[in-house]
Amino acid sequence: MKFFSLLLLVVSFCSFSAQEKTERLYDFDHKVFYQETRVSDGHYLLAVEADSYDHFEKQSVFLLRYAAKLCRSSQFSLVFETGVQEFKALPTHPRSYQPPLTATLQCLSPKIEPVN
């Protein structure tokens, strides 16, 4: 069962990456390397490269801000796939290498402003 789900993930990623080119980019404000793959209009695969446990906060805030930018401040759905780190105030052993923080971004309909 594990093999099948891994195979499905690889096949779906390959089909996404075949549609659009993935670029490795750098954000100077948050000091993170990231990759963006545009799957279709309003649908993206985003990956923020992990570099340290302490830097995770900047990586996750960057991802939220970048999602809002890509969706032009409209509502969006951000589904995290990998890389969400466990929080331990006093770890008892060294933290292992973390995979990139990856997410699927789907821009939804524009915000509906309430009428006064």
Protein backbone atom coordinates (compact mmCIF):
# COMPACT_ATOMS: atom_id res chain seq x y z
CA MET A 1 0.00 0.00 0.00
CA LYS A 2 2.87 2.37 0.84
CA PHE A 3 4.54 1.61 -2.48
CA PHE A 4 1.33 2.33 -4.39
CA SER A 5 0.82 5.72 -2.70
CA LEU A 6 4.47 6.65 -3.33
CA LEU A 7 4.14 5.62 -6.97
CA LEU A 8 0.96 7.67 -7.31
CA LEU A 9 2.70 10.72 -5.83
CA VAL A 10 5.66 10.38 -8.22
CA VAL A 11 3.41 9.94 -11.26
CA SER A 12 1.23 12.91 -10.31
CA PHE A 13 4.30 15.10 -9.69
CA CYS A 14 5.76 14.10 -13.06
CA SER A 15 2.50 14.96 -14.82
CA PHE A 16 2.41 18.35 -13.07
CA SER A 17 6.02 19.15 -13.90
CA ALA A 18 5.54 18.13 -17.51
CA GLN A 19 2.93 20.87 -17.96
CA GLU A 20 5.05 23.78 -16.73
CA LYS A 21 8.69 24.45 -16.02
CA THR A 22 9.80 24.47 -12.40
CA GLU A 23 12.07 27.36 -11.47
CA ARG A 24 14.42 27.64 -8.50
CA LEU A 25 14.04 31.14 -7.11
CA TYR A 26 15.31 33.16 -4.13
CA ASP A 27 13.37 35.59 -1.94
CA PHE A 28 15.70 38.24 -0.51
CA ASP A 29 13.26 39.49 2.15
CA HIS A 30 12.74 36.08 3.79
CA LYS A 31 16.11 34.63 2.68
CA VAL A 32 14.64 31.41 1.33
CA PHE A 33 15.16 29.36 -1.81
CA TYR A 34 11.92 28.09 -3.31
CA GLN A 35 10.49 26.38 -6.36
CA GLU A 36 7.28 27.27 -8.12
CA THR A 37 5.53 25.09 -10.67
CA ARG A 38 2.45 26.52 -12.38
CA VAL A 39 0.15 23.61 -13.10
CA SER A 40 -2.72 25.64 -14.55
CA ASP A 41 -4.41 28.99 -14.02
CA GLY A 42 -4.59 29.50 -10.27
CA HIS A 43 -3.04 26.11 -9.42
CA TYR A 44 0.58 25.87 -8.26
CA LEU A 45 3.01 23.48 -6.60
CA LEU A 46 5.31 25.33 -4.20
CA ALA A 47 8.38 24.03 -2.38
CA VAL A 48 10.51 25.97 0.09
CA GLU A 49 13.95 24.44 0.61
CA ALA A 50 14.70 23.46 4.21
CA ASP A 51 17.95 24.79 5.57
CA SER A 52 17.58 24.81 9.34
CA TYR A 53 15.06 24.12 12.07
CA ASP A 54 15.27 27.72 13.30
CA HIS A 55 14.52 29.05 9.82
CA PHE A 56 11.23 27.12 9.54
CA GLU A 57 9.19 30.08 10.82
CA LYS A 58 10.44 32.33 8.00
CA GLN A 59 9.86 29.57 5.45
CA SER A 60 6.24 29.05 6.47
CA VAL A 61 5.46 32.78 6.69
CA PHE A 62 7.02 33.24 3.26
CA LEU A 63 4.83 30.48 1.85
CA LEU A 64 1.65 32.13 3.19
CA ARG A 65 2.64 35.56 1.88
CA TYR A 66 3.69 34.20 -1.49
CA ALA A 67 0.40 32.30 -1.84
CA ALA A 68 -1.52 35.53 -1.19
CA LYS A 69 0.62 37.29 -3.80
CA LEU A 70 0.11 34.60 -6.45
CA CYS A 71 -3.65 34.60 -5.85
CA ARG A 72 -3.75 38.42 -5.87
CA SER A 73 -5.14 38.53 -2.32
CA SER A 74 -8.18 36.46 -3.23
CA GLN A 75 -9.12 33.43 -1.16
CA PHE A 76 -6.90 30.40 -1.60
CA SER A 77 -6.47 26.83 -0.45
CA LEU A 78 -2.99 25.85 0.66
CA VAL A 79 -2.53 22.14 1.34
CA PHE A 80 0.79 21.17 2.93
CA GLU A 81 2.23 17.95 1.57
CA THR A 82 5.61 17.55 3.34
CA GLY A 83 8.06 19.40 5.54
CA VAL A 84 5.90 20.51 8.47
CA GLN A 85 8.29 20.27 11.36
CA GLU A 86 7.49 18.92 14.79
CA PHE A 87 7.77 21.45 17.62
CA LYS A 88 9.71 20.47 20.73
CA ALA A 89 10.72 23.12 23.24
CA LEU A 90 13.39 20.86 24.76
CA PRO A 91 14.42 18.18 22.26
CA THR A 92 16.18 15.14 23.71
CA HIS A 93 18.03 14.20 20.51
CA PRO A 94 19.35 16.04 17.43
CA ARG A 95 16.71 16.97 14.89
CA SER A 96 16.88 14.97 11.71
CA TYR A 97 17.10 16.46 8.23
CA GLN A 98 13.78 17.96 7.22
CA PRO A 99 12.39 17.65 3.68
CA PRO A 100 11.40 20.81 1.78
CA LEU A 101 8.18 22.49 2.89
CA THR A 102 5.89 21.63 -0.04
CA ALA A 103 2.33 22.68 -0.66
CA THR A 104 -0.33 22.69 -3.34
CA LEU A 105 -1.87 26.12 -3.89
CA GLN A 106 -5.32 26.55 -5.43
CA CYS A 107 -6.58 30.11 -5.94
CA LEU A 108 -10.30 30.32 -5.28
CA SER A 109 -12.89 32.87 -6.34
CA PRO A 110 -12.20 36.52 -5.47
CA LYS A 111 -13.05 37.77 -2.00
CA ILE A 112 -16.67 38.75 -1.56
CA GLU A 113 -16.85 42.05 0.28
CA PRO A 114 -19.87 42.56 2.54
CA VAL A 115 -22.32 45.21 1.38
CA ASN A 116 -23.00 47.90 3.97
